Amino acid sequence: MVKLDVSFLKHLPKEDFRVLTAIEMGHKNHELVPTRLINTIANLKFGGCYKSVVSLHKHKLIYHENKVYDGYRLTYAGYDYLVLKTLSKRGTLSGLGNQIGTGKESDIYIAINDNHEQMALKLQRLGRVSFRTIKRNRDYLGHRKSASWLYLSRLAALKEYSYMKALHDSGFPVPRPIDINRHG
């Protein structure tokens, strides 16, 4: 189970978010994003990318592998940080509370906005050990032969949001969908 620890979020510099975003962009073509590509996409001054990568790896927001080549991939924690940063920038979210639910596909947290209204934040977590047959059982992949669990989580969140929005707009008694970003 992925534990969401947001204590480091408020101390994360913008350069670290640039590196997280660079790794996310690199995932479009690479399972492991090469360090040189991260540096190129993030476009930080000399040494800035290395410093951010070390910090992000230390806090388990990215995972390092050096099998075929030296590369990194986002963890769900790193992806969560990108969602939380984006939603807080939009004004949708200003605080995160306790986890109120865990399922085979997602984790649900209490969240609050600037008007102190409570809401639920659902973060998709496809690829858990107990639910690995999703690639066979769901139509998320479409014409693709394979995709990362982060990408599939993103597709699942987008699909659920669009269905809930359509149902809510049609007057069905479902929770009001507020916003969508990545897998949350």
N, C-alpha and C. Protein backbone atom coordinates (compact mmCIF):
# COMPACT_ATOMS: atom_id res chain seq x y z
N MET A 1 0.84 -1.17 0.00
CA MET A 1 0.00 0.00 0.00
C MET A 1 0.89 1.24 0.00
N VAL A 2 0.51 2.23 -0.75
CA VAL A 2 1.25 3.47 -0.85
C VAL A 2 0.77 4.42 0.23
N LYS A 3 1.69 4.90 1.04
CA LYS A 3 1.37 5.85 2.10
C LYS A 3 1.70 7.24 1.58
N LEU A 4 0.73 8.13 1.62
CA LEU A 4 0.92 9.49 1.14
C LEU A 4 1.39 10.37 2.29
N ASP A 5 2.65 10.78 2.24
CA ASP A 5 3.23 11.65 3.26
C ASP A 5 3.47 13.01 2.61
N VAL A 6 2.67 13.99 2.99
CA VAL A 6 2.78 15.31 2.37
C VAL A 6 3.63 16.28 3.18
N SER A 7 4.30 15.80 4.21
CA SER A 7 5.09 16.70 5.05
C SER A 7 6.23 17.36 4.28
N PHE A 8 6.77 16.70 3.28
CA PHE A 8 7.87 17.23 2.49
C PHE A 8 7.38 18.18 1.39
N LEU A 9 6.09 18.14 1.08
CA LEU A 9 5.54 18.90 -0.04
C LEU A 9 5.77 20.40 0.10
N LYS A 10 5.56 20.95 1.27
CA LYS A 10 5.69 22.40 1.44
C LYS A 10 7.14 22.87 1.37
N HIS A 11 8.09 21.95 1.51
CA HIS A 11 9.50 22.30 1.45
C HIS A 11 10.13 22.00 0.09
N LEU A 12 9.33 21.49 -0.83
CA LEU A 12 9.85 21.09 -2.14
C LEU A 12 10.04 22.32 -3.03
N PRO A 13 11.27 22.60 -3.46
CA PRO A 13 11.49 23.77 -4.32
C PRO A 13 10.94 23.56 -5.72
N LYS A 14 10.75 24.67 -6.43
CA LYS A 14 10.17 24.59 -7.78
C LYS A 14 11.06 23.79 -8.73
N GLU A 15 12.37 23.76 -8.49
CA GLU A 15 13.27 22.98 -9.32
C GLU A 15 12.96 21.49 -9.21
N ASP A 16 12.60 21.03 -8.02
CA ASP A 16 12.23 19.63 -7.83
C ASP A 16 10.96 19.29 -8.60
N PHE A 17 10.01 20.23 -8.62
CA PHE A 17 8.79 19.99 -9.41
C PHE A 17 9.11 19.98 -10.90
N ARG A 18 10.07 20.76 -11.33
CA ARG A 18 10.48 20.73 -12.73
C ARG A 18 11.08 19.37 -13.08
N VAL A 19 11.85 18.81 -12.16
CA VAL A 19 12.45 17.49 -12.40
C VAL A 19 11.36 16.42 -12.40
N LEU A 20 10.42 16.48 -11.46
CA LEU A 20 9.30 15.52 -11.45
C LEU A 20 8.52 15.60 -12.77
N THR A 21 8.25 16.81 -13.23
CA THR A 21 7.53 16.98 -14.49
C THR A 21 8.35 16.48 -15.67
N ALA A 22 9.65 16.69 -15.63
CA ALA A 22 10.52 16.20 -16.69
C ALA A 22 10.50 14.68 -16.76
N ILE A 23 10.51 14.03 -15.60
CA ILE A 23 10.44 12.56 -15.58
C ILE A 23 9.09 12.10 -16.10
N GLU A 24 8.03 12.80 -15.71
CA GLU A 24 6.69 12.45 -16.21
C GLU A 24 6.66 12.57 -17.74
N MET A 25 7.22 13.63 -18.27
CA MET A 25 7.24 13.81 -19.73
C MET A 25 8.11 12.75 -20.39
N GLY A 26 9.21 12.39 -19.76
CA GLY A 26 10.09 11.36 -20.30
C GLY A 26 9.45 9.98 -20.33
N HIS A 27 8.46 9.77 -19.45
CA HIS A 27 7.76 8.48 -19.42
C HIS A 27 6.94 8.21 -20.68
N LYS A 28 6.70 9.23 -21.47
CA LYS A 28 5.93 9.02 -22.71
C LYS A 28 6.66 8.07 -23.64
N ASN A 29 8.01 8.09 -23.59
CA ASN A 29 8.79 7.25 -24.49
C ASN A 29 9.74 6.30 -23.79
N HIS A 30 9.85 6.40 -22.47
CA HIS A 30 10.81 5.59 -21.73
C HIS A 30 10.18 5.04 -20.45
N GLU A 31 10.42 3.78 -20.20
CA GLU A 31 10.00 3.21 -18.92
C GLU A 31 10.88 3.77 -17.80
N LEU A 32 12.17 3.81 -18.06
CA LEU A 32 13.14 4.48 -17.19
C LEU A 32 13.66 5.68 -17.95
N VAL A 33 13.51 6.85 -17.38
CA VAL A 33 13.92 8.07 -18.06
C VAL A 33 15.40 8.31 -17.81
N PRO A 34 16.22 8.36 -18.87
CA PRO A 34 17.66 8.58 -18.69
C PRO A 34 17.96 9.92 -18.02
N THR A 35 19.01 9.94 -17.23
CA THR A 35 19.39 11.14 -16.49
C THR A 35 19.64 12.31 -17.43
N ARG A 36 20.28 12.07 -18.55
CA ARG A 36 20.54 13.14 -19.52
C ARG A 36 19.25 13.76 -20.05
N LEU A 37 18.24 12.91 -20.30
CA LEU A 37 16.96 13.41 -20.80
C LEU A 37 16.27 14.25 -19.73
N ILE A 38 16.32 13.80 -18.48
CA ILE A 38 15.74 14.57 -17.37
C ILE A 38 16.38 15.95 -17.32
N ASN A 39 17.69 15.98 -17.41
CA ASN A 39 18.44 17.24 -17.37
C ASN A 39 18.05 18.15 -18.54
N THR A 40 17.88 17.57 -19.72
CA THR A 40 17.51 18.35 -20.90
C THR A 40 16.11 18.93 -20.77
N ILE A 41 15.16 18.11 -20.34
CA ILE A 41 13.77 18.57 -20.24
C ILE A 41 13.61 19.58 -19.10
N ALA A 42 14.21 19.31 -17.95
CA ALA A 42 14.07 20.20 -16.80
C ALA A 42 14.77 21.54 -17.05
N ASN A 43 15.85 21.52 -17.84
CA ASN A 43 16.57 22.73 -18.23
C ASN A 43 16.98 23.57 -17.01
N LEU A 44 17.59 22.90 -16.04
CA LEU A 44 18.09 23.60 -14.86
C LEU A 44 19.57 23.93 -15.04
N LYS A 45 20.02 24.89 -14.26
CA LYS A 45 21.43 25.27 -14.32
C LYS A 45 22.30 24.11 -13.90
N PHE A 46 23.58 24.19 -14.23
CA PHE A 46 24.53 23.11 -13.96
C PHE A 46 24.44 22.64 -12.52
N GLY A 47 24.24 21.36 -12.33
CA GLY A 47 24.18 20.77 -11.01
C GLY A 47 22.82 20.81 -10.35
N GLY A 48 21.92 21.66 -10.84
CA GLY A 48 20.59 21.78 -10.24
C GLY A 48 19.76 20.54 -10.39
N CYS A 49 19.88 19.90 -11.54
CA CYS A 49 19.12 18.68 -11.79
C CYS A 49 19.61 17.55 -10.88
N TYR A 50 20.92 17.42 -10.76
CA TYR A 50 21.49 16.37 -9.92
C TYR A 50 21.05 16.54 -8.47
N LYS A 51 21.09 17.77 -7.98
CA LYS A 51 20.68 18.06 -6.60
C LYS A 51 19.21 17.67 -6.38
N SER A 52 18.36 18.02 -7.33
CA SER A 52 16.93 17.69 -7.23
C SER A 52 16.70 16.19 -7.29
N VAL A 53 17.39 15.51 -8.18
CA VAL A 53 17.24 14.06 -8.32
C VAL A 53 17.62 13.35 -7.02
N VAL A 54 18.72 13.78 -6.41
CA VAL A 54 19.16 13.19 -5.15
C VAL A 54 18.10 13.40 -4.06
N SER A 55 17.57 14.61 -3.98
CA SER A 55 16.56 14.92 -2.97
C SER A 55 15.26 14.14 -3.20
N LEU A 56 14.82 14.09 -4.45
CA LEU A 56 13.59 13.37 -4.78
C LEU A 56 13.74 11.87 -4.52
N HIS A 57 14.90 11.33 -4.84
CA HIS A 57 15.15 9.91 -4.60
C HIS A 57 15.20 9.62 -3.10
N LYS A 58 15.80 10.50 -2.34
CA LYS A 58 15.88 10.34 -0.89
C LYS A 58 14.49 10.28 -0.26
N HIS A 59 13.56 11.07 -0.79
CA HIS A 59 12.20 11.11 -0.25
C HIS A 59 11.25 10.14 -0.97
N LYS A 60 11.82 9.26 -1.80
CA LYS A 60 11.09 8.19 -2.49
C LYS A 60 9.99 8.71 -3.43
N LEU A 61 10.23 9.86 -4.03
CA LEU A 61 9.31 10.38 -5.02
C LEU A 61 9.67 9.89 -6.42
N ILE A 62 10.91 9.43 -6.57
CA ILE A 62 11.36 8.79 -7.80
C ILE A 62 12.14 7.54 -7.44
N TYR A 63 12.24 6.63 -8.40
CA TYR A 63 12.94 5.37 -8.19
C TYR A 63 14.09 5.30 -9.18
N HIS A 64 15.25 4.89 -8.72
CA HIS A 64 16.44 4.79 -9.56
C HIS A 64 16.71 3.35 -9.94
N GLU A 65 17.07 3.14 -11.19
CA GLU A 65 17.45 1.82 -11.66
C GLU A 65 18.65 1.97 -12.59
N ASN A 66 19.57 1.04 -12.49
CA ASN A 66 20.78 1.11 -13.31
C ASN A 66 21.06 -0.25 -13.93
N LYS A 67 20.06 -0.83 -14.58
CA LYS A 67 20.24 -2.16 -15.20
C LYS A 67 20.79 -2.02 -16.61
N VAL A 68 19.97 -1.54 -17.52
CA VAL A 68 20.40 -1.38 -18.90
C VAL A 68 21.12 -0.04 -19.05
N TYR A 69 20.56 0.99 -18.47
CA TYR A 69 21.16 2.33 -18.45
C TYR A 69 20.70 3.02 -17.18
N ASP A 70 21.37 4.10 -16.84
CA ASP A 70 21.05 4.86 -15.64
C ASP A 70 19.78 5.66 -15.88
N GLY A 71 18.73 5.37 -15.11
CA GLY A 71 17.47 6.06 -15.32
C GLY A 71 16.61 6.11 -14.08
N TYR A 72 15.54 6.90 -14.17
CA TYR A 72 14.62 7.10 -13.06
C TYR A 72 13.19 6.95 -13.54
N ARG A 73 12.33 6.61 -12.61
CA ARG A 73 10.89 6.60 -12.90
C ARG A 73 10.15 7.20 -11.72
N LEU A 74 8.99 7.74 -12.00
CA LEU A 74 8.16 8.31 -10.95
C LEU A 74 7.57 7.21 -10.09
N THR A 75 7.45 7.45 -8.82
CA THR A 75 6.69 6.57 -7.95
C THR A 75 5.30 7.18 -7.81
N TYR A 76 4.36 6.43 -7.23
CA TYR A 76 3.05 7.01 -7.00
C TYR A 76 3.14 8.23 -6.09
N ALA A 77 4.06 8.24 -5.14
CA ALA A 77 4.22 9.40 -4.25
C ALA A 77 4.62 10.63 -5.05
N GLY A 78 5.54 10.48 -5.99
CA GLY A 78 5.94 11.60 -6.84
C GLY A 78 4.79 12.09 -7.71
N TYR A 79 4.02 11.15 -8.23
CA TYR A 79 2.86 11.50 -9.05
C TYR A 79 1.81 12.20 -8.21
N ASP A 80 1.63 11.75 -6.95
CA ASP A 80 0.70 12.40 -6.02
C ASP A 80 1.10 13.85 -5.78
N TYR A 81 2.40 14.08 -5.60
CA TYR A 81 2.88 15.45 -5.36
C TYR A 81 2.56 16.35 -6.54
N LEU A 82 2.70 15.84 -7.76
CA LEU A 82 2.36 16.63 -8.94
C LEU A 82 0.88 16.98 -8.96
N VAL A 83 0.04 16.02 -8.59
CA VAL A 83 -1.42 16.27 -8.53
C VAL A 83 -1.73 17.33 -7.47
N LEU A 84 -1.18 17.15 -6.28
CA LEU A 84 -1.47 18.07 -5.18
C LEU A 84 -0.99 19.48 -5.51
N LYS A 85 0.18 19.61 -6.11
CA LYS A 85 0.71 20.92 -6.48
C LYS A 85 -0.20 21.59 -7.51
N THR A 86 -0.62 20.85 -8.52
CA THR A 86 -1.47 21.40 -9.57
C THR A 86 -2.83 21.81 -9.03
N LEU A 87 -3.45 20.94 -8.22
CA LEU A 87 -4.76 21.27 -7.67
C LEU A 87 -4.70 22.45 -6.71
N SER A 88 -3.62 22.57 -5.96
CA SER A 88 -3.50 23.72 -5.06
C SER A 88 -3.24 25.01 -5.84
N LYS A 89 -2.49 24.93 -6.94
CA LYS A 89 -2.28 26.11 -7.79
C LYS A 89 -3.58 26.59 -8.41
N ARG A 90 -4.45 25.66 -8.77
CA ARG A 90 -5.74 26.00 -9.37
C ARG A 90 -6.72 26.56 -8.34
N GLY A 91 -6.44 26.36 -7.05
CA GLY A 91 -7.36 26.80 -6.01
C GLY A 91 -8.41 25.76 -5.66
N THR A 92 -8.31 24.60 -6.23
CA THR A 92 -9.27 23.53 -5.96
C THR A 92 -9.04 22.93 -4.58
N LEU A 93 -7.80 22.92 -4.14
CA LEU A 93 -7.40 22.21 -2.93
C LEU A 93 -6.45 23.09 -2.13
N SER A 94 -6.67 23.18 -0.83
CA SER A 94 -5.73 23.94 0.00
C SER A 94 -5.19 23.12 1.16
N GLY A 95 -5.82 21.98 1.45
CA GLY A 95 -5.34 21.13 2.53
C GLY A 95 -5.74 19.69 2.32
N LEU A 96 -4.98 18.80 2.91
CA LEU A 96 -5.24 17.37 2.79
C LEU A 96 -5.34 16.77 4.18
N GLY A 97 -6.37 15.99 4.39
CA GLY A 97 -6.59 15.37 5.69
C GLY A 97 -6.24 13.90 5.69
N ASN A 98 -6.94 13.16 6.52
CA ASN A 98 -6.69 11.73 6.69
C ASN A 98 -7.19 10.92 5.51
N GLN A 99 -6.63 9.74 5.42
CA GLN A 99 -7.11 8.77 4.43
C GLN A 99 -8.40 8.18 4.97
N ILE A 100 -9.44 8.20 4.15
CA ILE A 100 -10.73 7.68 4.61
C ILE A 100 -11.13 6.39 3.92
N GLY A 101 -10.38 5.99 2.91
CA GLY A 101 -10.71 4.75 2.23
C GLY A 101 -9.56 4.23 1.40
N THR A 102 -9.50 2.90 1.30
CA THR A 102 -8.53 2.23 0.47
C THR A 102 -9.25 1.11 -0.25
N GLY A 103 -9.07 1.07 -1.55
CA GLY A 103 -9.68 0.00 -2.33
C GLY A 103 -8.62 -0.69 -3.16
N LYS A 104 -9.08 -1.58 -4.01
CA LYS A 104 -8.13 -2.30 -4.86
C LYS A 104 -7.59 -1.42 -5.97
N GLU A 105 -8.28 -0.31 -6.27
CA GLU A 105 -7.86 0.57 -7.36
C GLU A 105 -7.51 1.98 -6.93
N SER A 106 -7.80 2.38 -5.69
CA SER A 106 -7.59 3.78 -5.33
C SER A 106 -7.50 3.98 -3.82
N ASP A 107 -7.03 5.19 -3.47
CA ASP A 107 -7.03 5.66 -2.09
C ASP A 107 -7.84 6.94 -2.06
N ILE A 108 -8.60 7.14 -0.97
CA ILE A 108 -9.45 8.32 -0.86
C ILE A 108 -9.07 9.08 0.40
N TYR A 109 -8.91 10.41 0.25
CA TYR A 109 -8.50 11.29 1.33
C TYR A 109 -9.53 12.40 1.52
N ILE A 110 -9.62 12.91 2.74
CA ILE A 110 -10.39 14.11 2.99
C ILE A 110 -9.53 15.29 2.56
N ALA A 111 -10.14 16.23 1.85
CA ALA A 111 -9.43 17.42 1.41
C ALA A 111 -10.28 18.64 1.75
N ILE A 112 -9.67 19.80 1.70
CA ILE A 112 -10.37 21.04 2.00
C ILE A 112 -9.93 22.11 1.01
N ASN A 113 -10.84 23.03 0.69
CA ASN A 113 -10.48 24.12 -0.21
C ASN A 113 -10.32 25.41 0.59
N ASP A 114 -10.10 26.52 -0.11
CA ASP A 114 -9.88 27.81 0.56
C ASP A 114 -11.11 28.30 1.33
N ASN A 115 -12.29 27.85 0.93
CA ASN A 115 -13.54 28.23 1.62
C ASN A 115 -13.87 27.29 2.78
N HIS A 116 -12.94 26.43 3.13
CA HIS A 116 -13.09 25.45 4.22
C HIS A 116 -14.21 24.44 3.96
N GLU A 117 -14.47 24.17 2.69
CA GLU A 117 -15.43 23.14 2.31
C GLU A 117 -14.70 21.81 2.20
N GLN A 118 -15.26 20.78 2.84
CA GLN A 118 -14.64 19.46 2.76
C GLN A 118 -15.04 18.77 1.47
N MET A 119 -14.11 17.99 0.97
CA MET A 119 -14.36 17.19 -0.23
C MET A 119 -13.51 15.95 -0.14
N ALA A 120 -13.74 15.05 -1.06
CA ALA A 120 -12.94 13.82 -1.11
C ALA A 120 -11.98 13.92 -2.30
N LEU A 121 -10.76 13.48 -2.08
CA LEU A 121 -9.77 13.40 -3.14
C LEU A 121 -9.48 11.92 -3.37
N LYS A 122 -9.75 11.48 -4.59
CA LYS A 122 -9.53 10.08 -4.93
C LYS A 122 -8.32 9.98 -5.83
N LEU A 123 -7.33 9.20 -5.39
CA LEU A 123 -6.12 8.97 -6.17
C LEU A 123 -6.11 7.53 -6.67
N GLN A 124 -6.14 7.37 -7.96
CA GLN A 124 -6.15 6.03 -8.56
C GLN A 124 -4.81 5.35 -8.30
N ARG A 125 -4.84 4.05 -8.06
CA ARG A 125 -3.64 3.27 -7.76
C ARG A 125 -3.67 1.94 -8.52
N LEU A 126 -3.83 2.01 -9.81
CA LEU A 126 -3.86 0.77 -10.59
C LEU A 126 -2.50 0.10 -10.53
N GLY A 127 -2.50 -1.21 -10.55
CA GLY A 127 -1.24 -1.95 -10.56
C GLY A 127 -0.87 -2.55 -9.23
N ARG A 128 -1.75 -2.45 -8.25
CA ARG A 128 -1.45 -3.09 -6.98
C ARG A 128 -1.38 -4.59 -7.18
N VAL A 129 -0.66 -5.24 -6.33
CA VAL A 129 -0.42 -6.68 -6.47
C VAL A 129 -1.72 -7.46 -6.54
N SER A 130 -2.72 -7.02 -5.78
CA SER A 130 -3.97 -7.77 -5.73
C SER A 130 -4.87 -7.55 -6.95
N PHE A 131 -4.49 -6.65 -7.83
CA PHE A 131 -5.39 -6.33 -8.94
C PHE A 131 -4.61 -6.07 -10.23
N ARG A 132 -3.75 -7.02 -10.61
CA ARG A 132 -2.88 -6.85 -11.77
C ARG A 132 -3.54 -7.25 -13.09
N THR A 133 -4.73 -7.85 -13.06
CA THR A 133 -5.36 -8.29 -14.31
C THR A 133 -6.11 -7.17 -15.00
N ILE A 134 -5.99 -5.96 -14.51
CA ILE A 134 -6.75 -4.84 -15.08
C ILE A 134 -6.42 -4.59 -16.54
N LYS A 135 -5.19 -4.85 -16.95
CA LYS A 135 -4.81 -4.64 -18.35
C LYS A 135 -5.61 -5.56 -19.26
N ARG A 136 -5.97 -6.73 -18.75
CA ARG A 136 -6.77 -7.68 -19.53
C ARG A 136 -8.25 -7.38 -19.42
N ASN A 137 -8.69 -6.94 -18.24
CA ASN A 137 -10.12 -6.83 -17.96
C ASN A 137 -10.75 -5.49 -18.33
N ARG A 138 -9.96 -4.45 -18.52
CA ARG A 138 -10.50 -3.13 -18.82
C ARG A 138 -10.01 -2.67 -20.18
N ASP A 139 -10.71 -1.71 -20.73
CA ASP A 139 -10.36 -1.22 -22.07
C ASP A 139 -9.51 0.05 -22.03
N TYR A 140 -8.74 0.26 -20.98
CA TYR A 140 -7.93 1.45 -20.87
C TYR A 140 -6.84 1.54 -21.93
N LEU A 141 -6.31 0.41 -22.34
CA LEU A 141 -5.18 0.42 -23.26
C LEU A 141 -5.56 0.80 -24.69
N GLY A 142 -6.78 0.51 -25.08
CA GLY A 142 -7.20 0.82 -26.44
C GLY A 142 -6.35 0.07 -27.45
N HIS A 143 -5.68 0.79 -28.33
CA HIS A 143 -4.86 0.17 -29.37
C HIS A 143 -3.44 -0.13 -28.91
N ARG A 144 -3.07 0.33 -27.73
CA ARG A 144 -1.71 0.08 -27.24
C ARG A 144 -1.53 -1.35 -26.76
N LYS A 145 -0.31 -1.82 -26.84
CA LYS A 145 -0.02 -3.16 -26.34
C LYS A 145 0.38 -3.14 -24.87
N SER A 146 0.99 -2.04 -24.44
CA SER A 146 1.39 -1.93 -23.04
C SER A 146 1.41 -0.47 -22.63
N ALA A 147 1.38 -0.24 -21.32
CA ALA A 147 1.44 1.11 -20.76
C ALA A 147 1.84 0.99 -19.29
N SER A 148 2.35 2.09 -18.76
CA SER A 148 2.75 2.09 -17.35
C SER A 148 1.51 2.16 -16.46
N TRP A 149 1.69 1.75 -15.22
CA TRP A 149 0.59 1.80 -14.27
C TRP A 149 0.18 3.24 -13.99
N LEU A 150 1.12 4.17 -14.02
CA LEU A 150 0.78 5.58 -13.81
C LEU A 150 -0.12 6.09 -14.92
N TYR A 151 0.20 5.71 -16.15
CA TYR A 151 -0.63 6.13 -17.28
C TYR A 151 -2.01 5.51 -17.20
N LEU A 152 -2.08 4.24 -16.85
CA LEU A 152 -3.39 3.59 -16.71
C LEU A 152 -4.20 4.21 -15.59
N SER A 153 -3.54 4.60 -14.50
CA SER A 153 -4.23 5.27 -13.39
C SER A 153 -4.79 6.61 -13.86
N ARG A 154 -4.03 7.29 -14.68
CA ARG A 154 -4.48 8.57 -15.23
C ARG A 154 -5.72 8.38 -16.10
N LEU A 155 -5.69 7.36 -16.96
CA LEU A 155 -6.84 7.08 -17.82
C LEU A 155 -8.07 6.69 -17.01
N ALA A 156 -7.86 5.89 -15.96
CA ALA A 156 -8.97 5.48 -15.09
C ALA A 156 -9.60 6.68 -14.40
N ALA A 157 -8.78 7.59 -13.91
CA ALA A 157 -9.29 8.79 -13.24
C ALA A 157 -10.08 9.66 -14.21
N LEU A 158 -9.55 9.83 -15.41
CA LEU A 158 -10.23 10.65 -16.41
C LEU A 158 -11.58 10.04 -16.81
N LYS A 159 -11.60 8.74 -16.97
CA LYS A 159 -12.84 8.05 -17.33
C LYS A 159 -13.87 8.17 -16.21
N GLU A 160 -13.43 7.95 -14.97
CA GLU A 160 -14.36 8.04 -13.83
C GLU A 160 -14.89 9.47 -13.68
N TYR A 161 -14.02 10.45 -13.83
CA TYR A 161 -14.44 11.85 -13.72
C TYR A 161 -15.48 12.18 -14.79
N SER A 162 -15.24 11.78 -16.03
CA SER A 162 -16.18 12.11 -17.10
C SER A 162 -17.53 11.42 -16.90
N TYR A 163 -17.52 10.17 -16.42
CA TYR A 163 -18.79 9.48 -16.13
C TYR A 163 -19.54 10.15 -14.98
N MET A 164 -18.80 10.50 -13.92
CA MET A 164 -19.46 11.15 -12.78
C MET A 164 -20.00 12.52 -13.15
N LYS A 165 -19.28 13.24 -13.98
CA LYS A 165 -19.75 14.56 -14.42
C LYS A 165 -21.02 14.43 -15.26
N ALA A 166 -21.03 13.46 -16.17
CA ALA A 166 -22.22 13.25 -17.00
C ALA A 166 -23.42 12.84 -16.15
N LEU A 167 -23.20 11.95 -15.18
CA LEU A 167 -24.29 11.52 -14.30
C LEU A 167 -24.77 12.68 -13.42
N HIS A 168 -23.85 13.45 -12.87
CA HIS A 168 -24.23 14.57 -12.01
C HIS A 168 -24.99 15.62 -12.80
N ASP A 169 -24.52 15.93 -14.01
CA ASP A 169 -25.19 16.92 -14.85
C ASP A 169 -26.58 16.47 -15.28
N SER A 170 -26.80 15.15 -15.31
CA SER A 170 -28.11 14.61 -15.67
C SER A 170 -29.03 14.45 -14.47
N GLY A 171 -28.57 14.85 -13.29
CA GLY A 171 -29.41 14.83 -12.10
C GLY A 171 -29.35 13.57 -11.27
N PHE A 172 -28.42 12.67 -11.56
CA PHE A 172 -28.30 11.46 -10.76
C PHE A 172 -27.64 11.78 -9.42
N PRO A 173 -28.01 11.04 -8.38
CA PRO A 173 -27.46 11.32 -7.05
C PRO A 173 -26.04 10.76 -6.87
N VAL A 174 -25.07 11.42 -7.46
CA VAL A 174 -23.67 11.03 -7.33
C VAL A 174 -22.91 12.24 -6.76
N PRO A 175 -21.76 12.01 -6.16
CA PRO A 175 -20.98 13.15 -5.67
C PRO A 175 -20.64 14.10 -6.81
N ARG A 176 -20.59 15.39 -6.49
CA ARG A 176 -20.28 16.41 -7.50
C ARG A 176 -18.79 16.37 -7.83
N PRO A 177 -18.45 16.04 -9.07
CA PRO A 177 -17.03 16.06 -9.46
C PRO A 177 -16.55 17.50 -9.55
N ILE A 178 -15.39 17.77 -8.96
CA ILE A 178 -14.91 19.15 -8.87
C ILE A 178 -13.78 19.41 -9.86
N ASP A 179 -12.78 18.54 -9.88
CA ASP A 179 -11.62 18.79 -10.73
C ASP A 179 -10.91 17.47 -11.00
N ILE A 180 -10.09 17.47 -12.04
CA ILE A 180 -9.32 16.28 -12.41
C ILE A 180 -7.90 16.73 -12.78
N ASN A 181 -6.93 15.98 -12.35
CA ASN A 181 -5.56 16.19 -12.77
C ASN A 181 -4.81 14.88 -12.62
N ARG A 182 -4.19 14.45 -13.66
CA ARG A 182 -3.42 13.22 -13.70
C ARG A 182 -4.26 12.05 -13.17
N HIS A 183 -3.90 11.46 -12.06
CA HIS A 183 -4.63 10.30 -11.55
C HIS A 183 -5.50 10.64 -10.34
N GLY A 184 -5.72 11.93 -10.11
CA GLY A 184 -6.51 12.35 -8.94
C GLY A 184 -7.67 13.22 -9.29
